[in-house]
């Protein structure tokens, strides 16, 4: 499933920690916005790690996009939608 993850975290250290976590799961498309392609197991792992960093003053939003919605994404200017790369290990 395709997810857009955004965050608003006022503390610099926690914000940097969040970015490092999300880079393990997806691609940064804006300073505090990531695109992630995750199965349920990876989503659960990401949520567990995110939950360890945030507090009441922070906000993290995870938006799932179905295949139909994903197909309707439009990018204007520089950039492209994150794609699921096929990897073959021989």
N, C-alpha and C. Protein backbone atom coordinates (compact mmCIF):
# COMPACT_ATOMS: atom_id res chain seq x y z
N UNK A 1 0.85 -1.17 0.00
CA UNK A 1 0.00 0.00 0.00
C UNK A 1 0.90 1.23 0.00
N UNK A 2 0.43 2.28 -0.63
CA UNK A 2 1.14 3.55 -0.73
C UNK A 2 0.66 4.47 0.39
N UNK A 3 1.60 5.08 1.13
CA UNK A 3 1.27 5.98 2.24
C UNK A 3 2.01 7.30 2.07
N UNK A 4 1.34 8.37 2.45
CA UNK A 4 1.98 9.66 2.59
C UNK A 4 2.05 9.92 4.10
N UNK A 5 3.24 10.23 4.58
CA UNK A 5 3.45 10.47 6.00
C UNK A 5 3.98 11.90 6.17
N UNK A 6 3.34 12.65 7.04
CA UNK A 6 3.81 14.01 7.32
C UNK A 6 3.92 14.20 8.82
N UNK A 7 4.75 15.14 9.22
CA UNK A 7 4.89 15.40 10.64
C UNK A 7 5.12 16.88 10.90
N UNK A 8 4.75 17.29 12.10
CA UNK A 8 5.00 18.63 12.61
C UNK A 8 5.51 18.45 14.03
N UNK A 9 6.81 18.62 14.21
CA UNK A 9 7.46 18.38 15.49
C UNK A 9 8.33 19.60 15.81
N UNK A 10 8.01 20.33 16.89
CA UNK A 10 8.75 21.55 17.18
C UNK A 10 10.18 21.34 17.69
N UNK A 11 10.45 20.23 18.33
CA UNK A 11 11.78 19.97 18.89
C UNK A 11 12.74 19.48 17.81
N UNK A 12 13.89 20.14 17.66
CA UNK A 12 14.85 19.81 16.61
C UNK A 12 15.36 18.37 16.68
N UNK A 13 15.73 17.92 17.87
CA UNK A 13 16.27 16.55 18.01
C UNK A 13 15.23 15.50 17.64
N UNK A 14 14.02 15.68 18.13
CA UNK A 14 12.96 14.71 17.81
C UNK A 14 12.61 14.77 16.33
N UNK A 15 12.63 15.96 15.76
CA UNK A 15 12.33 16.10 14.33
C UNK A 15 13.39 15.38 13.49
N UNK A 16 14.65 15.52 13.87
CA UNK A 16 15.72 14.81 13.16
C UNK A 16 15.59 13.30 13.32
N UNK A 17 15.23 12.86 14.53
CA UNK A 17 15.03 11.43 14.77
C UNK A 17 13.88 10.89 13.92
N UNK A 18 12.80 11.67 13.82
CA UNK A 18 11.66 11.24 13.00
C UNK A 18 12.07 11.09 11.53
N UNK A 19 12.81 12.06 11.03
CA UNK A 19 13.25 11.99 9.64
C UNK A 19 14.09 10.73 9.39
N UNK A 20 15.00 10.40 10.32
CA UNK A 20 15.83 9.20 10.17
C UNK A 20 14.97 7.94 10.17
N UNK A 21 13.98 7.90 11.03
CA UNK A 21 13.08 6.74 11.06
C UNK A 21 12.36 6.60 9.73
N UNK A 22 11.77 7.68 9.26
CA UNK A 22 10.97 7.61 8.04
C UNK A 22 11.82 7.31 6.81
N UNK A 23 13.09 7.72 6.82
CA UNK A 23 13.98 7.38 5.70
C UNK A 23 14.21 5.87 5.61
N UNK A 24 14.03 5.16 6.72
CA UNK A 24 14.14 3.70 6.71
C UNK A 24 12.94 3.04 6.01
N UNK A 25 11.87 3.80 5.84
CA UNK A 25 10.63 3.22 5.30
C UNK A 25 10.17 3.84 3.99
N UNK A 26 10.74 4.97 3.60
CA UNK A 26 10.26 5.63 2.40
C UNK A 26 11.19 6.70 1.89
N UNK A 27 10.65 7.53 1.00
CA UNK A 27 11.41 8.59 0.34
C UNK A 27 10.89 9.96 0.77
N UNK A 28 11.81 10.85 1.04
CA UNK A 28 11.45 12.22 1.42
C UNK A 28 11.07 12.99 0.16
N UNK A 29 9.88 13.62 0.18
CA UNK A 29 9.44 14.42 -0.95
C UNK A 29 9.35 15.90 -0.60
N UNK A 30 9.26 16.21 0.66
CA UNK A 30 9.33 17.57 1.20
C UNK A 30 10.05 17.45 2.53
N UNK A 31 10.35 18.57 3.17
CA UNK A 31 11.11 18.52 4.41
C UNK A 31 10.46 17.59 5.44
N UNK A 32 9.16 17.67 5.60
CA UNK A 32 8.49 16.84 6.60
C UNK A 32 7.40 15.96 6.00
N UNK A 33 7.59 15.56 4.74
CA UNK A 33 6.63 14.70 4.04
C UNK A 33 7.39 13.56 3.35
N UNK A 34 6.89 12.35 3.57
CA UNK A 34 7.51 11.15 3.00
C UNK A 34 6.48 10.33 2.25
N UNK A 35 6.91 9.63 1.21
CA UNK A 35 6.09 8.65 0.52
C UNK A 35 6.66 7.27 0.84
N UNK A 36 5.79 6.36 1.24
CA UNK A 36 6.23 5.04 1.67
C UNK A 36 5.36 3.96 1.00
N UNK A 37 6.00 2.91 0.57
CA UNK A 37 5.29 1.74 0.06
C UNK A 37 5.53 0.62 1.08
N UNK A 38 4.45 0.26 1.79
CA UNK A 38 4.58 -0.64 2.93
C UNK A 38 3.51 -1.72 2.92
N UNK A 39 3.90 -2.92 3.34
CA UNK A 39 2.90 -3.94 3.63
C UNK A 39 2.48 -3.74 5.09
N UNK A 40 1.57 -4.55 5.57
CA UNK A 40 1.06 -4.38 6.94
C UNK A 40 2.16 -4.53 7.99
N UNK A 41 3.06 -5.46 7.78
CA UNK A 41 4.14 -5.69 8.74
C UNK A 41 5.06 -4.46 8.84
N UNK A 42 5.45 -3.92 7.69
CA UNK A 42 6.30 -2.73 7.70
C UNK A 42 5.58 -1.53 8.28
N UNK A 43 4.30 -1.39 7.97
CA UNK A 43 3.52 -0.29 8.54
C UNK A 43 3.52 -0.39 10.06
N UNK A 44 3.29 -1.57 10.60
CA UNK A 44 3.29 -1.76 12.05
C UNK A 44 4.65 -1.42 12.66
N UNK A 45 5.73 -1.82 11.98
CA UNK A 45 7.08 -1.51 12.47
C UNK A 45 7.32 0.00 12.46
N UNK A 46 6.89 0.66 11.39
CA UNK A 46 7.07 2.11 11.29
C UNK A 46 6.29 2.81 12.41
N UNK A 47 5.04 2.41 12.61
CA UNK A 47 4.21 3.03 13.65
C UNK A 47 4.83 2.81 15.03
N UNK A 48 5.37 1.63 15.30
CA UNK A 48 6.00 1.35 16.59
C UNK A 48 7.20 2.28 16.81
N UNK A 49 8.01 2.46 15.79
CA UNK A 49 9.19 3.33 15.95
C UNK A 49 8.79 4.79 16.07
N UNK A 50 7.81 5.22 15.28
CA UNK A 50 7.32 6.60 15.35
C UNK A 50 6.76 6.88 16.75
N UNK A 51 6.02 5.94 17.28
CA UNK A 51 5.38 6.11 18.59
C UNK A 51 6.39 6.29 19.71
N UNK A 52 7.59 5.78 19.56
CA UNK A 52 8.62 5.92 20.58
C UNK A 52 9.20 7.34 20.62
N UNK A 53 9.03 8.10 19.55
CA UNK A 53 9.65 9.43 19.44
C UNK A 53 8.70 10.56 19.79
N UNK A 54 7.44 10.42 19.43
CA UNK A 54 6.51 11.55 19.55
C UNK A 54 5.97 11.73 20.96
N UNK A 55 5.49 12.95 21.22
CA UNK A 55 4.83 13.26 22.48
C UNK A 55 3.55 14.02 22.17
N UNK A 56 2.88 14.50 23.21
CA UNK A 56 1.59 15.19 23.06
C UNK A 56 1.66 16.44 22.20
N UNK A 57 2.81 17.09 22.16
CA UNK A 57 2.93 18.34 21.40
C UNK A 57 3.23 18.12 19.91
N UNK A 58 3.47 16.89 19.52
CA UNK A 58 3.84 16.56 18.14
C UNK A 58 2.64 16.06 17.34
N UNK A 59 2.80 16.07 16.03
CA UNK A 59 1.76 15.53 15.17
C UNK A 59 2.44 14.73 14.04
N UNK A 60 1.98 13.51 13.86
CA UNK A 60 2.38 12.66 12.73
C UNK A 60 1.11 12.17 12.08
N UNK A 61 1.00 12.35 10.78
CA UNK A 61 -0.18 11.91 10.04
C UNK A 61 0.25 10.89 8.99
N UNK A 62 -0.50 9.79 8.90
CA UNK A 62 -0.23 8.73 7.94
C UNK A 62 -1.48 8.58 7.08
N UNK A 63 -1.35 8.87 5.79
CA UNK A 63 -2.48 8.82 4.87
C UNK A 63 -2.31 7.65 3.90
N UNK A 64 -3.17 6.64 3.97
CA UNK A 64 -3.09 5.56 2.98
C UNK A 64 -3.75 6.00 1.68
N UNK A 65 -3.16 5.60 0.58
CA UNK A 65 -3.74 5.88 -0.74
C UNK A 65 -3.93 4.56 -1.46
N UNK A 66 -5.16 4.30 -1.86
CA UNK A 66 -5.45 3.09 -2.62
C UNK A 66 -4.86 3.22 -4.02
N UNK A 67 -4.83 2.13 -4.75
CA UNK A 67 -4.25 2.15 -6.10
C UNK A 67 -4.98 3.14 -7.00
N UNK A 68 -6.27 3.23 -6.87
CA UNK A 68 -7.04 4.17 -7.69
C UNK A 68 -6.66 5.62 -7.36
N UNK A 69 -6.53 5.92 -6.07
CA UNK A 69 -6.13 7.27 -5.66
C UNK A 69 -4.69 7.55 -6.07
N UNK A 70 -3.83 6.57 -5.90
CA UNK A 70 -2.42 6.73 -6.27
C UNK A 70 -2.29 7.06 -7.75
N UNK A 71 -3.12 6.43 -8.58
CA UNK A 71 -3.06 6.68 -10.02
C UNK A 71 -3.44 8.12 -10.37
N UNK A 72 -4.16 8.78 -9.49
CA UNK A 72 -4.58 10.15 -9.75
C UNK A 72 -3.63 11.21 -9.24
N UNK A 73 -2.49 10.80 -8.66
CA UNK A 73 -1.53 11.78 -8.16
C UNK A 73 -0.96 12.57 -9.32
N UNK A 74 -0.89 13.88 -9.14
CA UNK A 74 -0.30 14.75 -10.15
C UNK A 74 0.83 15.55 -9.52
N UNK A 75 1.96 15.54 -10.17
CA UNK A 75 3.12 16.29 -9.71
C UNK A 75 3.33 17.44 -10.69
N UNK A 76 3.43 18.64 -10.17
CA UNK A 76 3.72 19.81 -10.99
C UNK A 76 5.12 20.29 -10.64
N UNK A 77 5.91 20.56 -11.63
CA UNK A 77 7.28 20.97 -11.38
C UNK A 77 8.18 19.77 -11.15
N UNK A 78 9.20 19.98 -10.38
CA UNK A 78 10.23 18.97 -10.15
C UNK A 78 9.72 17.85 -9.24
N UNK A 79 10.08 16.62 -9.54
CA UNK A 79 9.74 15.50 -8.68
C UNK A 79 8.95 14.43 -9.38
N UNK A 80 8.81 13.30 -8.70
CA UNK A 80 8.03 12.18 -9.21
C UNK A 80 7.50 11.37 -8.04
N UNK A 81 6.48 10.59 -8.29
CA UNK A 81 5.88 9.75 -7.26
C UNK A 81 6.80 8.56 -6.99
N UNK A 82 6.96 8.21 -5.74
CA UNK A 82 7.78 7.06 -5.36
C UNK A 82 7.19 5.79 -5.96
N UNK A 83 8.04 4.98 -6.55
CA UNK A 83 7.60 3.72 -7.16
C UNK A 83 8.16 2.54 -6.38
N UNK A 84 7.43 1.44 -6.42
CA UNK A 84 7.88 0.21 -5.79
C UNK A 84 8.88 -0.45 -6.73
N UNK A 85 10.14 -0.44 -6.33
CA UNK A 85 11.19 -1.02 -7.16
C UNK A 85 11.18 -2.53 -6.99
N UNK A 86 11.23 -3.22 -8.09
CA UNK A 86 11.31 -4.68 -8.05
C UNK A 86 12.78 -5.06 -7.85
N UNK A 87 13.03 -5.87 -6.84
CA UNK A 87 14.39 -6.29 -6.53
C UNK A 87 14.46 -7.81 -6.63
N UNK A 88 15.46 -8.27 -7.35
CA UNK A 88 15.67 -9.71 -7.50
C UNK A 88 17.03 -10.05 -6.91
N UNK A 89 17.06 -11.00 -6.00
CA UNK A 89 18.31 -11.45 -5.40
C UNK A 89 18.60 -12.83 -5.95
N UNK A 90 19.78 -12.96 -6.57
CA UNK A 90 20.16 -14.23 -7.17
C UNK A 90 21.18 -14.95 -6.32
